[in-house]
N, C-alpha and C. Protein backbone atom coordinates (compact mmCIF):
# COMPACT_ATOMS: atom_id res chain seq x y z
N MET A 1 123.80 106.21 122.58
CA MET A 1 122.10 106.31 121.41
C MET A 1 122.09 107.63 121.09
N ALA A 2 122.39 107.97 120.16
CA ALA A 2 122.62 109.72 119.58
C ALA A 2 120.86 110.17 120.83
N LYS A 3 120.05 112.03 120.80
CA LYS A 3 119.15 111.84 120.64
C LYS A 3 118.30 112.67 120.55
N LEU A 4 117.90 113.49 119.99
CA LEU A 4 117.54 114.87 119.39
C LEU A 4 115.47 115.32 120.64
N MET A 5 115.53 116.12 120.93
CA MET A 5 114.38 116.97 121.86
C MET A 5 114.04 117.81 120.31
N LEU A 6 112.99 117.42 120.18
CA LEU A 6 112.01 118.48 119.74
C LEU A 6 110.60 119.18 120.67
N HIS A 7 110.63 120.05 120.19
CA HIS A 7 109.99 120.92 121.78
C HIS A 7 109.95 121.62 120.80
N GLY A 8 108.71 123.38 121.40
CA GLY A 8 108.03 124.13 121.61
C GLY A 8 106.77 124.12 121.00
N ALA A 9 106.29 125.38 120.15
CA ALA A 9 104.75 124.74 119.54
C ALA A 9 104.01 124.05 118.93
N LEU A 10 103.74 123.16 120.09
CA LEU A 10 103.44 122.02 119.64
C LEU A 10 102.61 120.92 120.60
N ASP A 11 102.30 119.94 119.78
CA ASP A 11 101.34 119.06 121.15
C ASP A 11 101.84 117.43 121.85
N ARG A 12 102.33 117.51 121.00
CA ARG A 12 103.82 116.56 120.93
C ARG A 12 104.62 116.44 121.39
N PRO A 13 105.68 116.98 121.53
CA PRO A 13 106.97 117.32 121.91
C PRO A 13 107.47 116.07 122.05
N ALA A 14 108.79 115.74 121.78
CA ALA A 14 109.51 114.52 121.90
C ALA A 14 110.92 114.24 121.96
N THR A 15 111.76 112.99 122.88
CA THR A 15 112.72 112.78 122.29
C THR A 15 112.73 111.34 121.28
N LEU A 16 113.44 112.36 120.49
CA LEU A 16 113.55 111.00 119.08
C LEU A 16 114.89 110.38 119.26
N SER A 17 115.36 109.44 119.13
CA SER A 17 116.15 108.62 118.64
C SER A 17 116.46 109.05 116.89
N VAL A 18 118.02 108.65 116.49
CA VAL A 18 117.85 108.27 114.75
C VAL A 18 116.37 107.05 114.89
N ALA A 19 117.24 105.96 114.98
CA ALA A 19 115.84 104.71 115.19
C ALA A 19 114.82 105.10 114.93
N ASP A 20 113.98 105.91 116.05
CA ASP A 20 112.53 106.81 115.62
C ASP A 20 112.51 107.73 114.78
N LEU A 21 113.38 108.19 114.26
CA LEU A 21 113.67 108.50 113.50
C LEU A 21 113.29 107.57 111.52
N ARG A 22 113.50 106.78 111.65
CA ARG A 22 113.19 105.63 110.40
C ARG A 22 111.75 104.88 110.34
N ASP A 23 110.81 105.70 111.66
CA ASP A 23 109.56 105.33 111.32
C ASP A 23 108.56 106.19 110.78
N TRP A 24 109.19 106.61 109.95
CA TRP A 24 108.37 107.82 108.79
C TRP A 24 109.27 107.69 107.69
N PRO A 25 108.84 107.89 106.61
CA PRO A 25 109.01 107.36 105.48
C PRO A 25 110.36 108.45 104.82
N GLN A 26 111.61 107.50 104.86
CA GLN A 26 113.07 108.21 104.75
C GLN A 26 113.02 108.21 102.86
N HIS A 27 113.65 109.41 102.55
CA HIS A 27 113.60 110.17 101.20
C HIS A 27 115.45 110.15 101.18
N ARG A 28 115.98 110.36 100.22
CA ARG A 28 117.07 110.27 99.69
C ARG A 28 117.57 111.31 99.21
N ALA A 29 118.83 111.83 99.09
CA ALA A 29 119.25 113.06 99.13
C ALA A 29 120.59 113.17 98.68
N ALA A 30 121.37 113.23 97.09
CA ALA A 30 122.27 113.64 96.47
C ALA A 30 123.14 114.40 96.39
N VAL A 31 123.94 115.23 97.44
CA VAL A 31 124.08 116.39 97.55
C VAL A 31 125.38 116.91 97.22
N THR A 32 125.64 118.17 96.66
CA THR A 32 126.75 118.88 96.63
C THR A 32 126.87 120.11 97.76
N PHE A 33 127.89 120.58 97.72
CA PHE A 33 127.99 121.76 98.83
C PHE A 33 129.22 122.40 98.79
N ASP A 34 130.03 123.63 99.33
CA ASP A 34 130.74 123.98 99.08
C ASP A 34 131.05 124.28 100.29
N CYS A 35 131.97 123.37 100.89
CA CYS A 35 132.13 124.01 102.03
C CYS A 35 133.88 124.85 102.24
N ALA A 36 133.46 125.65 102.97
CA ALA A 36 134.47 126.41 103.44
C ALA A 36 135.57 126.03 103.35
N THR A 37 136.15 124.89 104.19
CA THR A 37 137.84 125.27 104.89
C THR A 37 138.23 123.71 103.30
N ASN A 38 137.35 122.84 103.02
CA ASN A 38 137.43 121.76 102.79
C ASN A 38 137.34 121.83 100.75
N GLY A 39 136.33 122.07 100.48
CA GLY A 39 135.41 122.74 99.23
C GLY A 39 134.42 122.59 99.04
N PRO A 40 134.19 121.68 98.06
CA PRO A 40 133.40 120.30 97.43
C PRO A 40 132.82 119.36 97.58
N GLN A 41 131.72 119.29 98.84
CA GLN A 41 131.18 117.99 99.57
C GLN A 41 130.63 117.48 98.73
N HIS A 42 130.60 116.20 98.68
CA HIS A 42 129.88 115.42 97.52
C HIS A 42 129.07 113.90 98.56
N HIS A 43 127.78 114.17 98.61
CA HIS A 43 127.53 113.09 100.34
C HIS A 43 125.80 112.92 99.19
N VAL A 44 125.68 111.58 100.19
CA VAL A 44 124.00 111.26 99.55
C VAL A 44 123.47 111.00 101.34
N PHE A 45 122.15 111.50 102.01
CA PHE A 45 121.96 111.19 102.82
C PHE A 45 120.13 110.93 102.80
N GLU A 46 119.79 110.44 103.76
CA GLU A 46 118.97 108.88 104.18
C GLU A 46 118.11 109.66 104.61
N GLY A 47 116.47 109.92 104.91
CA GLY A 47 116.38 110.00 106.49
C GLY A 47 114.71 110.93 105.96
N PRO A 48 113.81 111.15 107.07
CA PRO A 48 112.53 111.78 106.85
C PRO A 48 112.41 113.23 106.77
N LEU A 49 111.76 113.69 106.01
CA LEU A 49 111.52 115.51 105.69
C LEU A 49 111.46 115.65 107.23
N LEU A 50 111.88 116.40 107.47
CA LEU A 50 111.83 117.95 108.89
C LEU A 50 110.37 117.75 108.40
N ARG A 51 109.23 118.29 107.49
CA ARG A 51 108.50 119.13 108.04
C ARG A 51 107.64 117.71 107.98
N ASP A 52 107.45 116.40 108.07
CA ASP A 52 106.73 115.88 108.29
C ASP A 52 107.33 115.39 109.03
N VAL A 53 107.88 115.10 110.51
CA VAL A 53 108.33 114.78 111.65
C VAL A 53 107.77 115.65 112.37
N ILE A 54 107.21 117.66 111.94
CA ILE A 54 106.80 118.59 112.93
C ILE A 54 105.75 118.36 112.22
N GLN A 55 104.88 117.71 111.68
CA GLN A 55 103.74 118.23 111.24
C GLN A 55 103.33 116.65 112.61
N ASP A 56 103.51 115.86 112.48
CA ASP A 56 103.54 114.54 113.26
C ASP A 56 103.57 114.90 115.17
N ALA A 57 104.46 115.72 115.16
CA ALA A 57 104.00 116.28 116.98
C ALA A 57 103.20 117.26 117.22
N GLY A 58 102.18 117.84 116.18
CA GLY A 58 101.09 118.68 115.93
C GLY A 58 100.95 119.62 116.14
N PRO A 59 102.16 120.47 115.63
CA PRO A 59 102.24 122.53 115.31
C PRO A 59 100.96 123.10 115.98
N GLY A 60 101.51 124.45 116.45
CA GLY A 60 100.21 124.97 116.63
C GLY A 60 100.60 126.51 115.97
N PHE A 61 99.94 125.41 114.49
CA PHE A 61 99.06 126.21 113.50
C PHE A 61 98.03 125.91 113.00
N ASP A 62 97.06 127.27 112.89
CA ASP A 62 96.00 126.86 112.17
C ASP A 62 96.12 126.64 110.23
N ALA A 63 96.18 124.60 110.46
CA ALA A 63 96.75 124.18 109.35
C ALA A 63 95.92 125.37 107.78
N HIS A 64 94.70 125.96 107.93
CA HIS A 64 94.55 126.14 106.52
C HIS A 64 94.25 127.84 106.36
N ARG A 65 95.18 128.44 107.45
CA ARG A 65 95.20 129.59 107.48
C ARG A 65 96.72 129.48 106.94
N ARG A 66 97.46 130.10 105.97
CA ARG A 66 98.71 130.33 105.09
C ARG A 66 99.58 131.54 106.00
N LYS A 67 98.63 132.66 106.32
CA LYS A 67 99.63 133.41 107.52
C LYS A 67 99.95 132.98 108.64
N ASP A 68 98.86 131.77 108.47
CA ASP A 68 99.47 131.53 110.34
C ASP A 68 100.61 130.45 110.45
N ARG A 69 100.57 130.47 110.16
CA ARG A 69 101.60 129.05 109.05
C ARG A 69 103.30 130.13 108.30
N SER A 70 102.92 130.59 108.02
CA SER A 70 104.26 131.49 107.37
C SER A 70 105.12 131.91 109.40
N ARG A 71 104.21 131.89 110.25
CA ARG A 71 104.79 132.46 111.16
C ARG A 71 105.76 131.72 112.46
N PHE A 72 105.72 131.03 111.82
CA PHE A 72 106.57 129.40 112.08
C PHE A 72 108.56 129.69 112.09
N LEU A 73 109.62 129.18 112.63
CA LEU A 73 110.43 128.87 112.17
C LEU A 73 111.39 127.63 113.47
N LEU A 74 111.87 127.35 112.92
CA LEU A 74 112.57 126.15 113.57
C LEU A 74 113.84 126.64 113.27
N ALA A 75 114.37 126.19 114.96
CA ALA A 75 115.72 126.33 115.37
C ALA A 75 116.61 124.60 116.15
N ILE A 76 117.57 125.01 114.85
CA ILE A 76 118.13 123.24 114.99
C ILE A 76 119.71 123.74 115.68
N SER A 77 119.76 122.88 116.97
CA SER A 77 120.85 123.43 117.61
C SER A 77 121.62 121.44 117.61
N GLY A 78 122.67 121.75 117.02
CA GLY A 78 123.86 119.94 116.92
C GLY A 78 125.03 120.18 118.33
N GLY A 79 125.33 118.79 118.13
CA GLY A 79 126.39 118.62 119.67
C GLY A 79 127.19 119.27 119.50
N ASP A 80 127.92 119.92 118.33
CA ASP A 80 129.21 120.66 118.27
C ASP A 80 129.13 122.17 118.92
N GLY A 81 127.93 122.63 118.95
CA GLY A 81 127.51 123.70 119.38
C GLY A 81 126.68 124.71 118.14
N HIS A 82 126.74 124.70 117.52
CA HIS A 82 126.17 124.92 115.85
C HIS A 82 124.89 124.52 115.96
N HIS A 83 123.93 126.27 115.61
CA HIS A 83 123.09 126.52 115.10
C HIS A 83 122.20 127.26 113.88
N THR A 84 121.54 126.64 113.62
CA THR A 84 120.48 127.28 112.52
C THR A 84 119.50 127.35 112.92
N VAL A 85 118.70 128.69 111.78
CA VAL A 85 117.45 128.25 111.62
C VAL A 85 116.40 127.99 110.26
N VAL A 86 115.75 128.08 109.97
CA VAL A 86 114.90 127.04 109.47
C VAL A 86 113.78 128.00 109.24
N ALA A 87 112.75 128.43 108.33
CA ALA A 87 111.57 129.14 108.39
C ALA A 87 110.73 128.36 107.69
N TRP A 88 109.09 127.83 108.59
CA TRP A 88 108.57 126.95 108.39
C TRP A 88 108.01 126.83 106.87
N ALA A 89 108.01 128.33 106.57
CA ALA A 89 106.90 128.38 104.57
C ALA A 89 108.38 127.74 104.33
N GLU A 90 109.91 128.22 104.39
CA GLU A 90 111.27 127.32 102.97
C GLU A 90 109.97 125.81 102.93
N LEU A 91 109.24 125.03 104.63
CA LEU A 91 109.54 123.36 104.27
C LEU A 91 108.37 123.00 103.63
N ASP A 92 107.02 123.85 103.79
CA ASP A 92 105.49 124.01 104.10
C ASP A 92 105.67 123.84 101.88
N GLY A 93 104.27 122.72 101.94
CA GLY A 93 104.29 122.16 100.51
C GLY A 93 103.20 123.61 99.73
N ASP A 94 103.11 124.64 100.21
CA ASP A 94 102.24 125.84 99.59
C ASP A 94 102.98 126.68 100.26
N PHE A 95 104.15 126.48 100.02
CA PHE A 95 105.62 127.66 99.82
C PHE A 95 106.57 127.05 99.24
N GLY A 96 107.72 126.99 100.00
CA GLY A 96 109.11 126.67 99.02
C GLY A 96 108.91 125.13 98.64
N ASP A 97 108.65 124.38 99.85
CA ASP A 97 108.25 122.93 99.34
C ASP A 97 109.51 122.71 99.64
N THR A 98 110.53 122.87 100.16
CA THR A 98 111.80 122.28 99.95
C THR A 98 112.09 120.89 101.19
N PRO A 99 113.25 119.79 100.66
CA PRO A 99 112.65 118.50 101.09
C PRO A 99 113.93 118.90 102.37
N VAL A 100 113.89 119.75 103.05
CA VAL A 100 114.63 118.71 104.29
C VAL A 100 114.77 118.10 105.03
N LEU A 101 115.87 117.33 105.36
CA LEU A 101 116.22 116.13 106.04
C LEU A 101 116.41 115.73 107.21
N LEU A 102 116.09 115.06 107.91
CA LEU A 102 117.27 114.87 109.45
C LEU A 102 116.98 113.45 109.15
N ALA A 103 118.45 113.06 108.77
CA ALA A 103 119.20 112.31 108.29
C ALA A 103 119.59 111.57 108.45
N THR A 104 119.31 109.87 108.75
CA THR A 104 119.42 109.46 110.12
C THR A 104 120.61 108.18 109.29
N ARG A 105 121.04 108.16 107.68
CA ARG A 105 122.09 107.28 107.13
C ARG A 105 123.07 108.59 106.50
N LEU A 106 123.90 108.29 106.20
CA LEU A 106 125.15 109.38 105.55
C LEU A 106 125.67 108.90 104.83
N ASP A 107 126.14 108.49 103.34
CA ASP A 107 126.85 107.93 102.83
C ASP A 107 126.72 106.05 102.39
N GLY A 108 125.95 105.75 102.65
CA GLY A 108 125.56 104.47 102.90
C GLY A 108 125.74 103.89 104.93
N SER A 109 126.36 105.19 105.68
CA SER A 109 126.26 104.52 107.23
C SER A 109 125.34 105.21 108.19
N ASP A 110 124.73 104.41 109.30
CA ASP A 110 123.72 104.46 109.81
C ASP A 110 124.56 105.55 110.72
N LEU A 111 123.68 106.38 111.30
CA LEU A 111 123.90 108.05 112.25
C LEU A 111 123.67 107.42 114.02
N ASP A 112 123.26 105.96 114.03
CA ASP A 112 122.77 106.06 115.12
C ASP A 112 123.66 107.06 116.37
N ASP A 113 125.27 106.80 116.80
CA ASP A 113 125.69 106.21 117.60
C ASP A 113 125.93 108.21 117.33
N ALA A 114 126.12 108.82 115.87
CA ALA A 114 126.52 110.27 115.54
C ALA A 114 125.45 111.17 116.37
N GLY A 115 124.12 110.52 115.35
CA GLY A 115 122.91 111.61 115.62
C GLY A 115 122.75 112.08 114.47
N ALA A 116 121.16 112.01 114.49
CA ALA A 116 120.47 113.21 113.04
C ALA A 116 121.68 113.88 112.64
N GLN A 117 121.23 114.34 111.18
CA GLN A 117 122.13 115.29 110.86
C GLN A 117 121.18 116.10 109.96
N LEU A 118 120.57 118.09 109.77
CA LEU A 118 120.11 117.90 108.84
C LEU A 118 120.43 118.25 108.07
N VAL A 119 119.70 118.08 106.87
CA VAL A 119 120.52 118.49 105.46
C VAL A 119 119.88 119.37 104.52
N VAL A 120 119.87 120.07 103.84
CA VAL A 120 119.03 121.18 103.24
C VAL A 120 119.47 121.38 101.77
N PRO A 121 118.72 120.18 101.05
CA PRO A 121 119.86 120.06 99.60
C PRO A 121 119.50 120.76 99.08
N SER A 122 118.84 122.31 99.06
CA SER A 122 119.11 123.56 97.95
C SER A 122 120.30 124.60 98.17
N ASP A 123 120.76 124.41 99.05
CA ASP A 123 122.07 125.27 99.90
C ASP A 123 123.34 124.65 99.13
N ARG A 124 123.20 125.91 98.54
CA ARG A 124 124.70 125.87 97.96
C ARG A 124 126.42 125.90 98.60
N CYS A 125 125.85 126.04 100.19
CA CYS A 125 127.55 125.79 101.01
C CYS A 125 126.61 125.64 102.17
N GLY A 126 127.89 124.93 101.88
CA GLY A 126 126.89 123.70 103.77
C GLY A 126 126.23 124.12 104.92
N ALA A 127 126.54 125.17 105.21
CA ALA A 127 126.18 126.02 106.70
C ALA A 127 124.92 125.55 107.32
N ARG A 128 124.28 125.54 106.50
CA ARG A 128 122.85 125.34 107.97
C ARG A 128 122.68 123.22 107.58
N TYR A 129 123.72 122.97 107.05
CA TYR A 129 123.77 121.03 107.56
C TYR A 129 124.90 121.47 108.66
N VAL A 130 123.60 120.73 110.00
CA VAL A 130 124.13 120.79 111.24
C VAL A 130 123.91 119.12 111.65
N SER A 131 125.33 119.06 112.54
CA SER A 131 125.47 117.48 112.47
C SER A 131 125.23 117.28 114.38
N ALA A 132 124.87 115.66 114.72
CA ALA A 132 124.56 115.60 115.40
C ALA A 132 123.40 116.32 115.78
N VAL A 133 122.17 116.54 115.13
CA VAL A 133 120.85 117.77 116.28
C VAL A 133 120.62 116.92 117.01
N THR A 134 120.67 117.90 118.14
CA THR A 134 120.15 117.69 119.70
C THR A 134 118.89 118.59 120.19
N ARG A 135 118.64 119.03 119.50
CA ARG A 135 117.30 120.55 120.05
C ARG A 135 116.54 120.73 118.33
N VAL A 136 115.79 120.71 118.05
CA VAL A 136 115.07 121.45 117.21
C VAL A 136 113.09 121.86 118.25
N TRP A 137 113.63 123.20 117.78
CA TRP A 137 112.77 123.94 118.63
C TRP A 137 112.25 124.53 117.27
N PHE A 138 110.35 124.48 117.55
CA PHE A 138 109.02 124.63 116.56
C PHE A 138 108.53 126.20 117.07
N GLY A 139 108.85 127.61 117.06
CA GLY A 139 107.83 128.57 117.18
C GLY A 139 107.83 129.39 116.61
N THR A 140 106.93 130.62 116.85
CA THR A 140 107.25 131.71 116.17
C THR A 140 108.41 133.49 116.97
N VAL A 141 108.58 133.71 115.71
CA VAL A 141 108.77 135.51 116.57
C VAL A 141 107.79 136.39 117.27
N GLY A 142 107.93 136.80 118.27
CA GLY A 142 107.27 137.91 118.57
C GLY A 142 106.60 139.23 118.12
N GLU A 143 105.64 139.48 118.65
CA GLU A 143 105.18 140.54 117.65
C GLU A 143 106.15 141.61 117.21
N ARG A 144 106.81 142.20 118.65
CA ARG A 144 107.42 143.10 118.61
C ARG A 144 109.17 143.03 118.88
N GLY A 145 108.79 141.44 117.77
CA GLY A 145 110.48 141.53 117.23
C GLY A 145 111.42 140.99 118.93
N THR A 146 110.71 139.64 119.88
CA THR A 146 110.49 139.83 120.46
C THR A 146 111.03 138.16 120.26
N SER A 147 112.04 137.13 120.82
CA SER A 147 111.69 135.66 121.04
C SER A 147 110.78 135.41 121.35
N ALA A 148 109.74 134.14 121.11
CA ALA A 148 109.37 133.72 121.95
C ALA A 148 110.22 131.90 122.02
N ALA A 149 110.81 132.12 121.71
CA ALA A 149 111.88 130.89 121.84
C ALA A 149 111.70 130.65 123.70
N PRO A 150 112.94 129.50 124.29
CA PRO A 150 113.17 129.58 125.66
C PRO A 150 114.61 130.32 125.44
N SER A 151 114.93 130.25 126.36
CA SER A 151 116.62 131.05 127.00
C SER A 151 117.66 128.91 126.07
N PRO A 152 118.58 129.91 125.62
CA PRO A 152 119.01 127.93 125.23
C PRO A 152 119.69 127.42 127.07
């Protein structure tokens, strides 16, 4: 059973299975993205919003201060070594309000064995779609350009 580690500046870090991700409200996204190697791809994903999962884990910012929230990033890693970064402001309702998913289903099939998939429906290309998510790190970049992220 595939699991992902949710860690970083969170009050309640966790290790979650795809089944655990079904505890949050599930959202559906019919997407088309252009894959450099295979051309246009059309899929339907279902899963919780990444922001809901992070909010339940207790993000380490002052929720009432927009500038504090806008400093945070998420670094997502997949089982195949693929990584991407998403700014919290992209997800936050006061900023981009992008419905990024941690998909639990792809085209009607459960992803329990394969692992959750990061889905960024607004992206035209699929480079930030991360399969078999193993880690979601949440934190900030230091004031002098140094990362507060742990080493991989």
